[in-house]
């Protein structure tokens, strides 16, 4: 039986330099955490280090480092905002809508900037979900960003040549934003409504780690609504396989050093998997996140099966909401584009 078009494997060359960078960016914070016994804060260092892979697409070194700095500092502030939102009634929801609108408005600008906006939203969701996080988590988040920068510098030193740029970075994305024929308000609103719906529904249903629902929606929803449908299919397939792999690691491996090594290997594998298909990349991504959370919250997680089921139900719910949202948005898109065309003034880009 033929695979769905969104699941067909590609033959794109594997970026071995990016694999090296992933291992350094994730492995260094975990190594420091192991020597200090600070497992919970290390989760945020590992996540931040991992995210540096997705905002760095090669090219000019200064621009690559700037992208990681913007991502890291923005995530730190967004995480603090998530924690602080619990102290003022209604502030959490208002901040969530604000971050979601901003992330939605940035979509369509280009790879690096799009992911920076989404990761700020993700960091807010992390902070909002755990208002009692120790300040050391922020320190490790910064360490994750520094590890990403260090991985770039080490890569340049070892490979002796600049890394080819594969997607828009900061300046190119800024040009895309300025050349828009509209203000992207419709997509930003659509994006924010989806994220808010997932957040409220996950809370209402009392799901374990309900923040995975809006988080998954934010990652799956892309500027091209047609592509979002393919993306959610890829996410579902990859997540189902990744959940099994992650649960197996959590069940059979209890040594912290081995767990850290496996997480580092998963980070290195992700760029290789990306070269084949997004759903293949979701397998190590899902397993990595599960193992990282287990690494930091071993006394909180009831069992690997309970943990795996929670991940599955959150992913399925998020993808279902994305499917409904994409269908509605695609039906409204002709009217939205017609309205945008009327608002456009000749000569203004």
C-alpha atoms as a PDB file:
ATOM      1  CA  UNK A   1       0.000   0.000   0.000  1.00  0.00           C
ATOM      2  CA  UNK A   2       1.380   3.407  -0.982  1.00  0.00           C
ATOM      3  CA  UNK A   3       2.295   5.831   1.738  1.00  0.00           C
ATOM      4  CA  UNK A   4       0.382   9.062   2.174  1.00  0.00           C
ATOM      5  CA  UNK A   5       2.228  11.819   0.240  1.00  0.00           C
ATOM      6  CA  UNK A   6       3.172  13.531   3.521  1.00  0.00           C
ATOM      7  CA  UNK A   7       4.971  10.357   4.703  1.00  0.00           C
ATOM      8  CA  UNK A   8       7.180   9.708   1.656  1.00  0.00           C
ATOM      9  CA  UNK A   9      10.869   9.668   2.518  1.00  0.00           C
ATOM     10  CA  UNK A  10      13.267  12.116   0.861  1.00  0.00           C
ATOM     11  CA  UNK A  11      16.885  11.592  -0.159  1.00  0.00           C
ATOM     12  CA  UNK A  12      18.213  14.958   1.033  1.00  0.00           C
ATOM     13  CA  UNK A  13      21.887  14.838   2.097  1.00  0.00           C
ATOM     14  CA  UNK A  14      22.355  14.581   5.863  1.00  0.00           C
ATOM     15  CA  UNK A  15      23.917  17.623   7.538  1.00  0.00           C
ATOM     16  CA  UNK A  16      26.571  15.991   9.730  1.00  0.00           C
ATOM     17  CA  UNK A  17      27.649  19.361  11.109  1.00  0.00           C
ATOM     18  CA  UNK A  18      24.162  19.932  12.437  1.00  0.00           C
ATOM     19  CA  UNK A  19      24.276  16.485  14.049  1.00  0.00           C
ATOM     20  CA  UNK A  20      27.494  17.478  15.795  1.00  0.00           C
ATOM     21  CA  UNK A  21      25.973  20.772  16.921  1.00  0.00           C
ATOM     22  CA  UNK A  22      22.944  18.973  18.346  1.00  0.00           C
ATOM     23  CA  UNK A  23      25.111  16.664  20.414  1.00  0.00           C
ATOM     24  CA  UNK A  24      27.126  19.566  21.862  1.00  0.00           C
ATOM     25  CA  UNK A  25      24.148  21.871  22.468  1.00  0.00           C
ATOM     26  CA  UNK A  26      22.172  19.238  24.394  1.00  0.00           C
ATOM     27  CA  UNK A  27      25.000  17.191  25.876  1.00  0.00           C
ATOM     28  CA  UNK A  28      26.864  20.036  27.592  1.00  0.00           C
ATOM     29  CA  UNK A  29      24.004  21.222  29.872  1.00  0.00           C
ATOM     30  CA  UNK A  30      23.254  17.608  30.816  1.00  0.00           C
ATOM     31  CA  UNK A  31      26.915  16.909  31.584  1.00  0.00           C
ATOM     32  CA  UNK A  32      27.061  19.905  33.906  1.00  0.00           C
ATOM     33  CA  UNK A  33      23.775  18.884  35.547  1.00  0.00           C
ATOM     34  CA  UNK A  34      25.018  15.341  36.192  1.00  0.00           C
ATOM     35  CA  UNK A  35      28.162  16.550  37.901  1.00  0.00           C
ATOM     36  CA  UNK A  36      26.093  18.886  40.109  1.00  0.00           C
ATOM     37  CA  UNK A  37      23.050  16.667  40.682  1.00  0.00           C
ATOM     38  CA  UNK A  38      20.636  19.304  39.337  1.00  0.00           C
ATOM     39  CA  UNK A  39      18.339  17.134  37.249  1.00  0.00           C
ATOM     40  CA  UNK A  40      15.135  19.186  37.077  1.00  0.00           C
ATOM     41  CA  UNK A  41      16.801  22.456  35.975  1.00  0.00           C
ATOM     42  CA  UNK A  42      18.796  20.492  33.409  1.00  0.00           C
ATOM     43  CA  UNK A  43      15.577  19.788  31.502  1.00  0.00           C
ATOM     44  CA  UNK A  44      15.356  23.454  30.509  1.00  0.00           C
ATOM     45  CA  UNK A  45      19.020  23.581  29.508  1.00  0.00           C
ATOM     46  CA  UNK A  46      18.582  20.520  27.315  1.00  0.00           C
ATOM     47  CA  UNK A  47      15.421  21.887  25.699  1.00  0.00           C
ATOM     48  CA  UNK A  48      16.983  25.305  25.007  1.00  0.00           C
ATOM     49  CA  UNK A  49      20.110  23.700  23.584  1.00  0.00           C
ATOM     50  CA  UNK A  50      17.963  21.483  21.364  1.00  0.00           C
ATOM     51  CA  UNK A  51      15.911  24.434  20.114  1.00  0.00           C
ATOM     52  CA  UNK A  52      19.059  26.221  18.928  1.00  0.00           C
ATOM     53  CA  UNK A  53      19.169  23.658  16.103  1.00  0.00           C
ATOM     54  CA  UNK A  54      15.901  24.996  14.698  1.00  0.00           C
ATOM     55  CA  UNK A  55      16.767  28.699  14.668  1.00  0.00           C
ATOM     56  CA  UNK A  56      20.229  28.220  13.138  1.00  0.00           C
ATOM     57  CA  UNK A  57      20.221  27.545   9.403  1.00  0.00           C
ATOM     58  CA  UNK A  58      23.843  28.362   8.670  1.00  0.00           C
ATOM     59  CA  UNK A  59      25.229  31.371   6.839  1.00  0.00           C
ATOM     60  CA  UNK A  60      26.905  34.339   8.491  1.00  0.00           C
ATOM     61  CA  UNK A  61      28.210  33.446  11.959  1.00  0.00           C
ATOM     62  CA  UNK A  62      27.148  36.702  13.638  1.00  0.00           C
ATOM     63  CA  UNK A  63      23.578  36.307  12.413  1.00  0.00           C
ATOM     64  CA  UNK A  64      23.437  32.687  13.611  1.00  0.00           C
ATOM     65  CA  UNK A  65      24.656  33.665  17.078  1.00  0.00           C
ATOM     66  CA  UNK A  66      22.242  36.626  17.186  1.00  0.00           C
ATOM     67  CA  UNK A  67      19.310  34.316  16.403  1.00  0.00           C
ATOM     68  CA  UNK A  68      20.235  32.044  19.325  1.00  0.00           C
ATOM     69  CA  UNK A  69      20.644  35.018  21.679  1.00  0.00           C
ATOM     70  CA  UNK A  70      17.230  36.414  20.701  1.00  0.00           C
ATOM     71  CA  UNK A  71      15.651  32.994  21.150  1.00  0.00           C
ATOM     72  CA  UNK A  72      17.299  32.333  24.525  1.00  0.00           C
ATOM     73  CA  UNK A  73      16.663  35.718  26.136  1.00  0.00           C
ATOM     74  CA  UNK A  74      13.105  35.776  24.787  1.00  0.00           C
ATOM     75  CA  UNK A  75      12.455  32.291  26.188  1.00  0.00           C
ATOM     76  CA  UNK A  76      13.824  33.366  29.570  1.00  0.00           C
ATOM     77  CA  UNK A  77      11.544  36.413  29.720  1.00  0.00           C
ATOM     78  CA  UNK A  78       8.562  34.448  28.393  1.00  0.00           C
ATOM     79  CA  UNK A  79       9.109  31.726  31.007  1.00  0.00           C
ATOM     80  CA  UNK A  80       9.264  34.342  33.763  1.00  0.00           C
ATOM     81  CA  UNK A  81       6.055  35.881  32.387  1.00  0.00           C
ATOM     82  CA  UNK A  82       4.401  32.446  32.551  1.00  0.00           C
ATOM     83  CA  UNK A  83       5.335  32.072  36.215  1.00  0.00           C
ATOM     84  CA  UNK A  84       4.411  35.670  37.094  1.00  0.00           C
ATOM     85  CA  UNK A  85       1.037  35.393  35.362  1.00  0.00           C
ATOM     86  CA  UNK A  86      -0.234  33.243  38.244  1.00  0.00           C
ATOM     87  CA  UNK A  87       0.032  36.153  40.671  1.00  0.00           C
ATOM     88  CA  UNK A  88      -2.440  38.401  38.819  1.00  0.00           C
ATOM     89  CA  UNK A  89      -5.948  37.073  38.024  1.00  0.00           C
ATOM     90  CA  UNK A  90      -6.466  36.783  34.281  1.00  0.00           C
ATOM     91  CA  UNK A  91      -2.897  37.782  33.441  1.00  0.00           C
ATOM     92  CA  UNK A  92      -1.953  34.269  32.339  1.00  0.00           C
ATOM     93  CA  UNK A  93      -4.636  34.105  29.654  1.00  0.00           C
ATOM     94  CA  UNK A  94      -3.916  37.652  28.482  1.00  0.00           C
ATOM     95  CA  UNK A  95      -0.203  36.895  28.160  1.00  0.00           C
ATOM     96  CA  UNK A  96      -0.933  33.617  26.357  1.00  0.00           C
ATOM     97  CA  UNK A  97      -3.068  35.424  23.784  1.00  0.00           C
ATOM     98  CA  UNK A  98      -0.357  38.063  23.374  1.00  0.00           C
ATOM     99  CA  UNK A  99       2.435  35.559  22.797  1.00  0.00           C
ATOM    100  CA  UNK A 100       0.231  33.508  20.445  1.00  0.00           C
ATOM    101  CA  UNK A 101      -0.768  36.563  18.381  1.00  0.00           C
ATOM    102  CA  UNK A 102       2.850  37.647  18.067  1.00  0.00           C
ATOM    103  CA  UNK A 103       4.030  34.149  17.095  1.00  0.00           C
ATOM    104  CA  UNK A 104       1.198  33.917  14.547  1.00  0.00           C
ATOM    105  CA  UNK A 105       2.057  37.307  13.077  1.00  0.00           C
ATOM    106  CA  UNK A 106       5.666  36.183  12.518  1.00  0.00           C
ATOM    107  CA  UNK A 107       4.628  33.120  10.527  1.00  0.00           C
ATOM    108  CA  UNK A 108       5.476  33.375   6.853  1.00  0.00           C
ATOM    109  CA  UNK A 109       8.565  35.468   7.512  1.00  0.00           C
ATOM    110  CA  UNK A 110      11.051  32.607   7.298  1.00  0.00           C
ATOM    111  CA  UNK A 111      12.463  29.664   9.241  1.00  0.00           C
ATOM    112  CA  UNK A 112      14.550  31.289  11.969  1.00  0.00           C
ATOM    113  CA  UNK A 113      12.151  34.072  12.950  1.00  0.00           C
ATOM    114  CA  UNK A 114       9.110  31.794  12.763  1.00  0.00           C
ATOM    115  CA  UNK A 115      10.646  29.359  15.233  1.00  0.00           C
ATOM    116  CA  UNK A 116      11.897  32.101  17.569  1.00  0.00           C
ATOM    117  CA  UNK A 117       8.318  33.365  17.964  1.00  0.00           C
ATOM    118  CA  UNK A 118       7.000  29.847  18.552  1.00  0.00           C
ATOM    119  CA  UNK A 119       9.687  29.040  21.113  1.00  0.00           C
ATOM    120  CA  UNK A 120       8.864  32.163  23.098  1.00  0.00           C
ATOM    121  CA  UNK A 121       5.286  30.902  23.214  1.00  0.00           C
ATOM    122  CA  UNK A 122       6.508  27.424  24.233  1.00  0.00           C
ATOM    123  CA  UNK A 123       8.636  28.908  27.024  1.00  0.00           C
ATOM    124  CA  UNK A 124       5.599  30.812  28.313  1.00  0.00           C
ATOM    125  CA  UNK A 125       3.620  27.553  28.381  1.00  0.00           C
ATOM    126  CA  UNK A 126       6.429  25.846  30.315  1.00  0.00           C
ATOM    127  CA  UNK A 127       6.497  28.654  32.886  1.00  0.00           C
ATOM    128  CA  UNK A 128       2.716  28.799  33.121  1.00  0.00           C
ATOM    129  CA  UNK A 129       2.499  25.033  33.700  1.00  0.00           C
ATOM    130  CA  UNK A 130       4.948  25.019  36.620  1.00  0.00           C
ATOM    131  CA  UNK A 131       4.824  28.265  38.625  1.00  0.00           C
ATOM    132  CA  UNK A 132       7.016  26.783  41.384  1.00  0.00           C
ATOM    133  CA  UNK A 133      10.087  26.269  39.187  1.00  0.00           C
ATOM    134  CA  UNK A 134      13.390  27.155  40.890  1.00  0.00           C
ATOM    135  CA  UNK A 135      15.342  30.116  39.454  1.00  0.00           C
ATOM    136  CA  UNK A 136      18.106  27.656  38.531  1.00  0.00           C
ATOM    137  CA  UNK A 137      15.917  26.549  35.614  1.00  0.00           C
ATOM    138  CA  UNK A 138      16.469  29.980  34.051  1.00  0.00           C
ATOM    139  CA  UNK A 139      20.213  29.631  34.547  1.00  0.00           C
ATOM    140  CA  UNK A 140      20.204  26.317  32.696  1.00  0.00           C
ATOM    141  CA  UNK A 141      18.046  27.789  29.941  1.00  0.00           C
ATOM    142  CA  UNK A 142      20.754  30.413  29.378  1.00  0.00           C
ATOM    143  CA  UNK A 143      23.355  27.647  29.526  1.00  0.00           C
ATOM    144  CA  UNK A 144      21.457  25.805  26.771  1.00  0.00           C
ATOM    145  CA  UNK A 145      21.656  28.888  24.560  1.00  0.00           C
ATOM    146  CA  UNK A 146      25.373  29.294  25.295  1.00  0.00           C
ATOM    147  CA  UNK A 147      25.891  25.620  24.435  1.00  0.00           C
ATOM    148  CA  UNK A 148      24.210  26.226  21.073  1.00  0.00           C
ATOM    149  CA  UNK A 149      26.557  29.149  20.375  1.00  0.00           C
ATOM    150  CA  UNK A 150      29.554  27.084  21.457  1.00  0.00           C
ATOM    151  CA  UNK A 151      28.463  24.278  19.110  1.00  0.00           C
ATOM    152  CA  UNK A 152      28.568  26.736  16.186  1.00  0.00           C
ATOM    153  CA  UNK A 153      32.058  27.963  17.076  1.00  0.00           C
ATOM    154  CA  UNK A 154      33.374  24.416  17.552  1.00  0.00           C
ATOM    155  CA  UNK A 155      31.821  23.367  14.250  1.00  0.00           C
ATOM    156  CA  UNK A 156      33.517  26.236  12.420  1.00  0.00           C
ATOM    157  CA  UNK A 157      36.838  25.355  14.067  1.00  0.00           C
ATOM    158  CA  UNK A 158      36.626  21.651  13.231  1.00  0.00           C
ATOM    159  CA  UNK A 159      35.256  21.862   9.702  1.00  0.00           C
ATOM    160  CA  UNK A 160      37.404  24.873   8.701  1.00  0.00           C
ATOM    161  CA  UNK A 161      34.744  26.477   6.496  1.00  0.00           C
ATOM    162  CA  UNK A 162      31.443  28.400   6.849  1.00  0.00           C
ATOM    163  CA  UNK A 163      28.214  26.434   6.939  1.00  0.00           C
ATOM    164  CA  UNK A 164      25.918  26.819   3.944  1.00  0.00           C
ATOM    165  CA  UNK A 165      22.646  28.633   4.728  1.00  0.00           C
ATOM    166  CA  UNK A 166      19.597  26.433   4.134  1.00  0.00           C
ATOM    167  CA  UNK A 167      16.686  28.699   5.168  1.00  0.00           C
ATOM    168  CA  UNK A 168      15.940  32.387   5.895  1.00  0.00           C
ATOM    169  CA  UNK A 169      17.768  33.884   8.869  1.00  0.00           C
ATOM    170  CA  UNK A 170      17.150  37.223  10.582  1.00  0.00           C
ATOM    171  CA  UNK A 171      17.805  39.803   7.859  1.00  0.00           C
ATOM    172  CA  UNK A 172      16.113  37.798   5.126  1.00  0.00           C
ATOM    173  CA  UNK A 173      13.088  37.163   7.359  1.00  0.00           C
ATOM    174  CA  UNK A 174      12.897  40.874   8.195  1.00  0.00           C
ATOM    175  CA  UNK A 175      12.799  41.682   4.474  1.00  0.00           C
ATOM    176  CA  UNK A 176       9.959  39.188   4.040  1.00  0.00           C
ATOM    177  CA  UNK A 177       8.031  40.906   6.829  1.00  0.00           C
ATOM    178  CA  UNK A 178       8.503  44.361   5.319  1.00  0.00           C
ATOM    179  CA  UNK A 179       7.472  43.215   1.827  1.00  0.00           C
ATOM    180  CA  UNK A 180       4.158  41.772   2.920  1.00  0.00           C
ATOM    181  CA  UNK A 181       1.114  43.081   1.098  1.00  0.00           C
ATOM    182  CA  UNK A 182      -0.953  42.737   4.276  1.00  0.00           C
ATOM    183  CA  UNK A 183      -0.410  42.743   8.049  1.00  0.00           C
ATOM    184  CA  UNK A 184      -1.010  38.986   8.550  1.00  0.00           C
ATOM    185  CA  UNK A 185      -3.704  39.742  11.121  1.00  0.00           C
ATOM    186  CA  UNK A 186      -6.047  37.005   9.889  1.00  0.00           C
ATOM    187  CA  UNK A 187      -3.496  34.230  10.269  1.00  0.00           C
ATOM    188  CA  UNK A 188      -2.307  35.598  13.628  1.00  0.00           C
ATOM    189  CA  UNK A 189      -5.893  35.529  14.907  1.00  0.00           C
ATOM    190  CA  UNK A 190      -6.446  32.009  13.561  1.00  0.00           C
ATOM    191  CA  UNK A 191      -3.199  30.825  15.180  1.00  0.00           C
ATOM    192  CA  UNK A 192      -4.043  32.434  18.537  1.00  0.00           C
ATOM    193  CA  UNK A 193      -7.584  31.000  18.579  1.00  0.00           C
ATOM    194  CA  UNK A 194      -6.230  27.490  17.958  1.00  0.00           C
ATOM    195  CA  UNK A 195      -3.596  27.805  20.698  1.00  0.00           C
ATOM    196  CA  UNK A 196      -6.077  29.259  23.195  1.00  0.00           C
ATOM    197  CA  UNK A 197      -8.652  26.555  22.363  1.00  0.00           C
ATOM    198  CA  UNK A 198      -6.085  23.821  22.999  1.00  0.00           C
ATOM    199  CA  UNK A 199      -5.003  25.443  26.257  1.00  0.00           C
ATOM    200  CA  UNK A 200      -8.550  25.792  27.619  1.00  0.00           C
ATOM    201  CA  UNK A 201      -9.728  22.386  26.407  1.00  0.00           C
ATOM    202  CA  UNK A 202      -6.702  20.622  27.866  1.00  0.00           C
ATOM    203  CA  UNK A 203      -7.306  22.285  31.221  1.00  0.00           C
ATOM    204  CA  UNK A 204     -11.042  21.576  31.146  1.00  0.00           C
ATOM    205  CA  UNK A 205     -10.429  17.895  30.420  1.00  0.00           C
ATOM    206  CA  UNK A 206      -7.899  17.718  33.248  1.00  0.00           C
ATOM    207  CA  UNK A 207      -5.203  16.216  31.016  1.00  0.00           C
ATOM    208  CA  UNK A 208      -1.821  15.356  32.478  1.00  0.00           C
ATOM    209  CA  UNK A 209       0.623  17.965  31.123  1.00  0.00           C
ATOM    210  CA  UNK A 210      -2.205  19.759  29.321  1.00  0.00           C
ATOM    211  CA  UNK A 211       0.270  22.348  28.040  1.00  0.00           C
ATOM    212  CA  UNK A 212       1.379  19.757  25.478  1.00  0.00           C
ATOM    213  CA  UNK A 213      -1.864  20.450  23.602  1.00  0.00           C
ATOM    214  CA  UNK A 214      -1.271  24.165  22.812  1.00  0.00           C
ATOM    215  CA  UNK A 215       2.456  23.446  22.451  1.00  0.00           C
ATOM    216  CA  UNK A 216       1.791  20.833  19.764  1.00  0.00           C
ATOM    217  CA  UNK A 217      -0.703  23.129  18.042  1.00  0.00           C
ATOM    218  CA  UNK A 218       1.901  25.905  17.924  1.00  0.00           C
ATOM    219  CA  UNK A 219       4.506  23.625  16.340  1.00  0.00           C
ATOM    220  CA  UNK A 220       2.161  21.898  13.872  1.00  0.00           C
ATOM    221  CA  UNK A 221       0.361  25.017  12.622  1.00  0.00           C
ATOM    222  CA  UNK A 222       2.318  26.598   9.772  1.00  0.00           C
ATOM    223  CA  UNK A 223       1.649  29.537   7.488  1.00  0.00           C
ATOM    224  CA  UNK A 224       0.461  27.381   4.585  1.00  0.00           C
ATOM    225  CA  UNK A 225      -2.801  25.896   5.861  1.00  0.00           C
ATOM    226  CA  UNK A 226      -2.614  23.096   3.258  1.00  0.00           C
ATOM    227  CA  UNK A 227       0.808  22.151   4.604  1.00  0.00           C
ATOM    228  CA  UNK A 228      -0.575  22.190   8.170  1.00  0.00           C
ATOM    229  CA  UNK A 229      -2.751  19.196   7.239  1.00  0.00           C
ATOM    230  CA  UNK A 230       0.321  17.269   6.077  1.00  0.00           C
ATOM    231  CA  UNK A 231       2.169  18.427   9.177  1.00  0.00           C
ATOM    232  CA  UNK A 232      -0.415  17.080  11.611  1.00  0.00           C
ATOM    233  CA  UNK A 233      -0.425  13.687   9.835  1.00  0.00           C
ATOM    234  CA  UNK A 234       3.366  13.598  10.112  1.00  0.00           C
ATOM    235  CA  UNK A 235       3.195  14.634  13.760  1.00  0.00           C
ATOM    236  CA  UNK A 236       0.692  11.906  14.619  1.00  0.00           C
ATOM    237  CA  UNK A 237       2.672   9.131  12.941  1.00  0.00           C
ATOM    238  CA  UNK A 238       6.027  10.247  14.336  1.00  0.00           C
ATOM    239  CA  UNK A 239       4.633  10.800  17.823  1.00  0.00           C
ATOM    240  CA  UNK A 240       3.088   7.326  18.030  1.00  0.00           C
ATOM    241  CA  UNK A 241       6.434   5.710  17.234  1.00  0.00           C
ATOM    242  CA  UNK A 242       8.397   8.173  19.366  1.00  0.00           C
ATOM    243  CA  UNK A 243       6.150   7.550  22.381  1.00  0.00           C
ATOM    244  CA  UNK A 244       6.922   3.830  22.234  1.00  0.00           C
ATOM    245  CA  UNK A 245      10.656   4.521  22.006  1.00  0.00           C
ATOM    246  CA  UNK A 246      10.565   7.063  24.835  1.00  0.00           C
ATOM    247  CA  UNK A 247       8.495   4.818  27.129  1.00  0.00           C
ATOM    248  CA  UNK A 248      10.890   1.917  26.499  1.00  0.00           C
ATOM    249  CA  UNK A 249      13.882   4.034  27.493  1.00  0.00           C
ATOM    250  CA  UNK A 250      12.143   5.306  30.633  1.00  0.00           C
ATOM    251  CA  UNK A 251      11.115   1.762  31.620  1.00  0.00           C
ATOM    252  CA  UNK A 252      14.422  -0.023  31.022  1.00  0.00           C
ATOM    253  CA  UNK A 253      17.017   2.683  31.777  1.00  0.00           C
ATOM    254  CA  UNK A 254      17.427   4.039  35.303  1.00  0.00           C
ATOM    255  CA  UNK A 255      21.005   5.298  35.230  1.00  0.00           C
ATOM    256  CA  UNK A 256      21.188   9.094  34.861  1.00  0.00           C
ATOM    257  CA  UNK A 257      24.407   9.010  32.855  1.00  0.00           C
ATOM    258  CA  UNK A 258      22.946   6.553  30.365  1.00  0.00           C
ATOM    259  CA  UNK A 259      19.761   8.624  30.079  1.00  0.00           C
ATOM    260  CA  UNK A 260      21.816  11.745  29.378  1.00  0.00           C
ATOM    261  CA  UNK A 261      23.832   9.890  26.754  1.00  0.00           C
ATOM    262  CA  UNK A 262      20.664   8.632  25.047  1.00  0.00           C
ATOM    263  CA  UNK A 263      19.168  12.133  25.005  1.00  0.00           C
ATOM    264  CA  UNK A 264      22.380  13.451  23.451  1.00  0.00           C
ATOM    265  CA  UNK A 265      22.253  10.727  20.788  1.00  0.00           C
ATOM    266  CA  UNK A 266      18.610  11.572  20.030  1.00  0.00           C
ATOM    267  CA  UNK A 267      19.568  15.237  19.574  1.00  0.00           C
ATOM    268  CA  UNK A 268      22.314  14.211  17.156  1.00  0.00           C
ATOM    269  CA  UNK A 269      19.931  11.897  15.268  1.00  0.00           C
ATOM    270  CA  UNK A 270      17.256  14.560  14.763  1.00  0.00           C
ATOM    271  CA  UNK A 271      18.974  16.454  11.878  1.00  0.00           C
ATOM    272  CA  UNK A 272      19.601  13.147  10.102  1.00  0.00           C
ATOM    273  CA  UNK A 273      15.938  12.225  10.527  1.00  0.00           C
ATOM    274  CA  UNK A 274      14.890  15.693   9.287  1.00  0.00           C
ATOM    275  CA  UNK A 275      16.662  14.995   6.015  1.00  0.00           C
ATOM    276  CA  UNK A 276      14.263  12.103   5.405  1.00  0.00           C
ATOM    277  CA  UNK A 277      10.906  13.545   6.520  1.00  0.00           C
ATOM    278  CA  UNK A 278       9.404  15.580   9.343  1.00  0.00           C
ATOM    279  CA  UNK A 279       7.562  12.536  10.705  1.00  0.00           C
ATOM    280  CA  UNK A 280      10.867  10.668  10.986  1.00  0.00           C
ATOM    281  CA  UNK A 281      12.343  13.622  12.911  1.00  0.00           C
ATOM    282  CA  UNK A 282       9.344  13.639  15.272  1.00  0.00           C
ATOM    283  CA  UNK A 283      10.345  10.150  16.486  1.00  0.00           C
ATOM    284  CA  UNK A 284      13.597  11.220  18.223  1.00  0.00           C
ATOM    285  CA  UNK A 285      12.069  14.587  19.160  1.00  0.00           C
ATOM    286  CA  UNK A 286       9.167  12.920  21.003  1.00  0.00           C
ATOM    287  CA  UNK A 287      11.414  10.364  22.679  1.00  0.00           C
ATOM    288  CA  UNK A 288      13.929  13.071  23.639  1.00  0.00           C
ATOM    289  CA  UNK A 289      11.285  15.240  25.309  1.00  0.00           C
ATOM    290  CA  UNK A 290       9.826  12.276  27.205  1.00  0.00           C
ATOM    291  CA  UNK A 291      13.214  11.118  28.467  1.00  0.00           C
ATOM    292  CA  UNK A 292      14.260  14.667  29.377  1.00  0.00           C
ATOM    293  CA  UNK A 293      11.107  15.190  31.426  1.00  0.00           C
ATOM    294  CA  UNK A 294      11.554  11.813  33.097  1.00  0.00           C
ATOM    295  CA  UNK A 295      15.178  12.734  33.725  1.00  0.00           C
ATOM    296  CA  UNK A 296      14.099  15.809  35.694  1.00  0.00           C
ATOM    297  CA  UNK A 297      10.831  14.571  37.223  1.00  0.00           C
ATOM    298  CA  UNK A 298      11.518  10.957  38.148  1.00  0.00           C
ATOM    299  CA  UNK A 299       9.617  11.211  41.447  1.00  0.00           C
ATOM    300  CA  UNK A 300       6.556  12.810  39.850  1.00  0.00           C
ATOM    301  CA  UNK A 301       5.888  10.525  36.879  1.00  0.00           C
ATOM    302  CA  UNK A 302       3.714   7.591  37.963  1.00  0.00           C
ATOM    303  CA  UNK A 303       4.796   5.062  35.322  1.00  0.00           C
ATOM    304  CA  UNK A 304       6.151   4.953  31.747  1.00  0.00           C
ATOM    305  CA  UNK A 305       2.779   3.695  30.473  1.00  0.00           C
ATOM    306  CA  UNK A 306       0.885   6.506  32.217  1.00  0.00           C
ATOM    307  CA  UNK A 307       3.355   9.014  30.830  1.00  0.00           C
ATOM    308  CA  UNK A 308       3.134   7.581  27.291  1.00  0.00           C
ATOM    309  CA  UNK A 309      -0.660   7.585  27.275  1.00  0.00           C
ATOM    310  CA  UNK A 310      -0.690  11.202  28.417  1.00  0.00           C
ATOM    311  CA  UNK A 311       1.590  12.138  25.535  1.00  0.00           C
ATOM    312  CA  UNK A 312      -0.590  10.257  23.046  1.00  0.00           C
ATOM    313  CA  UNK A 313      -3.891  11.776  24.193  1.00  0.00           C
ATOM    314  CA  UNK A 314      -2.442  15.300  24.159  1.00  0.00           C
ATOM    315  CA  UNK A 315      -0.992  14.829  20.675  1.00  0.00           C
ATOM    316  CA  UNK A 316      -4.192  13.327  19.273  1.00  0.00           C
ATOM    317  CA  UNK A 317      -6.321  16.128  20.731  1.00  0.00           C
ATOM    318  CA  UNK A 318      -3.954  18.813  19.421  1.00  0.00           C
ATOM    319  CA  UNK A 319      -3.877  17.314  15.914  1.00  0.00           C
ATOM    320  CA  UNK A 320      -7.688  16.964  15.901  1.00  0.00           C
ATOM    321  CA  UNK A 321      -8.054  20.649  16.782  1.00  0.00           C
ATOM    322  CA  UNK A 322      -5.527  21.539  14.066  1.00  0.00           C
ATOM    323  CA  UNK A 323      -7.479  19.476  11.526  1.00  0.00           C
ATOM    324  CA  UNK A 324     -10.739  21.255  12.358  1.00  0.00           C
ATOM    325  CA  UNK A 325      -9.034  24.646  12.448  1.00  0.00           C
ATOM    326  CA  UNK A 326      -7.234  24.103   9.134  1.00  0.00           C
ATOM    327  CA  UNK A 327     -10.461  23.007   7.464  1.00  0.00           C
ATOM    328  CA  UNK A 328     -12.327  26.112   8.640  1.00  0.00           C
ATOM    329  CA  UNK A 329      -9.445  28.436   7.771  1.00  0.00           C
ATOM    330  CA  UNK A 330      -9.111  26.993   4.260  1.00  0.00           C
ATOM    331  CA  UNK A 331     -12.829  27.536   3.654  1.00  0.00           C
ATOM    332  CA  UNK A 332     -12.518  31.159   4.784  1.00  0.00           C
ATOM    333  CA  UNK A 333      -9.207  31.795   2.983  1.00  0.00           C
ATOM    334  CA  UNK A 334     -10.676  33.018  -0.353  1.00  0.00           C
ATOM    335  CA  UNK A 335     -12.713  35.670   1.497  1.00  0.00           C
ATOM    336  CA  UNK A 336      -9.704  36.628   3.632  1.00  0.00           C
ATOM    337  CA  UNK A 337      -7.482  37.032   0.571  1.00  0.00           C
ATOM    338  CA  UNK A 338     -10.154  39.067  -1.227  1.00  0.00           C
ATOM    339  CA  UNK A 339     -10.429  41.387   1.771  1.00  0.00           C
ATOM    340  CA  UNK A 340      -6.642  41.728   1.986  1.00  0.00           C
ATOM    341  CA  UNK A 341      -6.489  42.598  -1.719  1.00  0.00           C
ATOM    342  CA  UNK A 342      -8.982  45.439  -1.154  1.00  0.00           C
ATOM    343  CA  UNK A 343      -6.888  46.769   1.749  1.00  0.00           C
ATOM    344  CA  UNK A 344      -3.706  46.748  -0.323  1.00  0.00           C
ATOM    345  CA  UNK A 345      -2.716  50.085  -1.802  1.00  0.00           C
ATOM    346  CA  UNK A 346      -0.814  50.031  -5.115  1.00  0.00           C
ATOM    347  CA  UNK A 347       2.908  50.625  -4.671  1.00  0.00           C
ATOM    348  CA  UNK A 348       2.939  49.631  -0.995  1.00  0.00           C
ATOM    349  CA  UNK A 349       4.699  46.364  -0.110  1.00  0.00           C
END
